Amino acid sequence: MINVEKVVAVRKYLSLEFPGLEIRDHYDSGRMAQCFEIGPERTCFKAILAEKFFEDHDEGEIAPTLKGFLLVEHLRECDYPVIVTNEGLKID
């Protein structure tokens, strides 16, 4: 199971980058990842963060790493879910 504080760190980061938008998340056991949806259900941005990403990063490293990967910019420009791994981003 993914550390709750690390999930909260992602929620906080996304809330700062997408002010006023609802952030929803759930664990997908098939993908072994935490899935985040940002915004209204029909037009939301989707980010899928691999469980291994959470395991390999401390809570304080998560936001800077996501920022360095340009996650938010990719979410805003892409119509597909963005997958976050230790190596970087992939488009689903």
Protein backbone atom coordinates (compact mmCIF):
# COMPACT_ATOMS: atom_id res chain seq x y z
CA MET A 1 0.00 0.00 0.00
CA ILE A 2 1.20 3.50 -0.81
CA ASN A 3 2.19 5.79 2.06
CA VAL A 4 -0.72 8.18 2.73
CA GLU A 5 1.55 11.17 3.42
CA LYS A 6 3.13 10.77 -0.01
CA VAL A 7 -0.30 10.70 -1.67
CA VAL A 8 -1.20 13.85 0.28
CA ALA A 9 2.02 15.47 -1.01
CA VAL A 10 0.87 14.83 -4.59
CA ARG A 11 -2.63 16.17 -3.82
CA LYS A 12 -1.13 19.35 -2.33
CA TYR A 13 1.13 19.86 -5.33
CA LEU A 14 -1.73 19.37 -7.80
CA SER A 15 -4.01 21.66 -5.77
CA LEU A 16 -1.43 24.45 -5.98
CA GLU A 17 -0.98 23.96 -9.72
CA PHE A 18 -4.70 23.60 -10.47
CA PRO A 19 -6.36 26.03 -8.01
CA GLY A 20 -10.11 25.64 -7.67
CA LEU A 21 -10.26 22.26 -9.41
CA GLU A 22 -11.35 19.13 -7.62
CA ILE A 23 -8.64 16.50 -7.08
CA ARG A 24 -9.79 12.89 -6.86
CA ASP A 25 -7.57 9.85 -6.43
CA HIS A 26 -7.75 6.11 -5.99
CA TYR A 27 -5.42 3.14 -6.00
CA ASP A 28 -5.55 0.91 -9.09
CA SER A 29 -4.29 -2.55 -8.11
CA GLY A 30 -4.16 -3.69 -11.74
CA ARG A 31 -1.74 -0.89 -12.63
CA MET A 32 -0.07 -0.90 -9.21
CA ALA A 33 -0.44 2.87 -9.24
CA GLN A 34 -2.22 5.80 -7.59
CA CYS A 35 -4.51 7.49 -10.12
CA PHE A 36 -5.33 11.19 -9.88
CA GLU A 37 -8.12 13.02 -11.69
CA ILE A 38 -8.07 16.80 -11.72
CA GLY A 39 -11.15 18.81 -12.66
CA PRO A 40 -14.69 17.94 -13.76
CA GLU A 41 -15.24 14.26 -14.52
CA ARG A 42 -15.95 14.73 -18.23
CA THR A 43 -12.96 16.95 -18.96
CA CYS A 44 -10.48 16.02 -16.26
CA PHE A 45 -6.71 15.73 -16.45
CA LYS A 46 -5.42 12.28 -15.43
CA ALA A 47 -2.10 11.40 -13.84
CA ILE A 48 -1.10 7.84 -12.95
CA LEU A 49 1.77 7.58 -10.49
CA ALA A 50 3.49 4.20 -10.27
CA GLU A 51 3.72 2.61 -6.83
CA LYS A 52 7.49 2.26 -7.35
CA PHE A 53 7.72 6.06 -7.79
CA PHE A 54 6.24 6.50 -4.30
CA GLU A 55 8.50 3.81 -2.83
CA ASP A 56 11.65 5.41 -4.23
CA HIS A 57 10.93 9.03 -3.26
CA ASP A 58 10.67 10.64 0.15
CA GLU A 59 7.64 12.82 0.82
CA GLY A 60 9.70 16.01 0.41
CA GLU A 61 11.12 14.87 -2.94
CA ILE A 62 7.77 14.24 -4.62
CA ALA A 63 6.69 17.78 -5.58
CA PRO A 64 10.14 18.87 -6.82
CA THR A 65 10.46 15.68 -8.87
CA LEU A 66 7.01 16.13 -10.44
CA LYS A 67 7.90 19.74 -11.19
CA GLY A 68 11.19 18.67 -12.78
CA PHE A 69 9.33 16.12 -14.92
CA LEU A 70 7.02 18.97 -16.10
CA LEU A 71 3.99 16.91 -15.11
CA VAL A 72 1.58 19.84 -14.95
CA GLU A 73 2.62 21.16 -18.36
CA HIS A 74 2.12 17.71 -19.89
CA LEU A 75 -1.28 17.32 -18.23
CA ARG A 76 -2.43 20.67 -19.61
CA GLU A 77 -1.25 19.87 -23.14
CA CYS A 78 -2.26 16.23 -23.43
CA ASP A 79 -5.68 14.64 -23.84
CA TYR A 80 -4.44 11.30 -22.49
CA PRO A 81 -3.46 10.12 -19.01
CA VAL A 82 0.15 10.86 -18.09
CA ILE A 83 2.02 8.06 -16.34
CA VAL A 84 4.75 8.97 -13.84
CA THR A 85 7.58 6.48 -13.26
CA ASN A 86 11.04 6.84 -11.77
CA GLU A 87 12.38 7.38 -15.29
CA GLY A 88 10.00 10.23 -16.10
CA LEU A 89 6.68 10.60 -17.92
CA LYS A 90 4.86 8.39 -20.40
CA ILE A 91 1.59 8.95 -22.24
CA ASP A 92 -1.00 6.22 -21.70
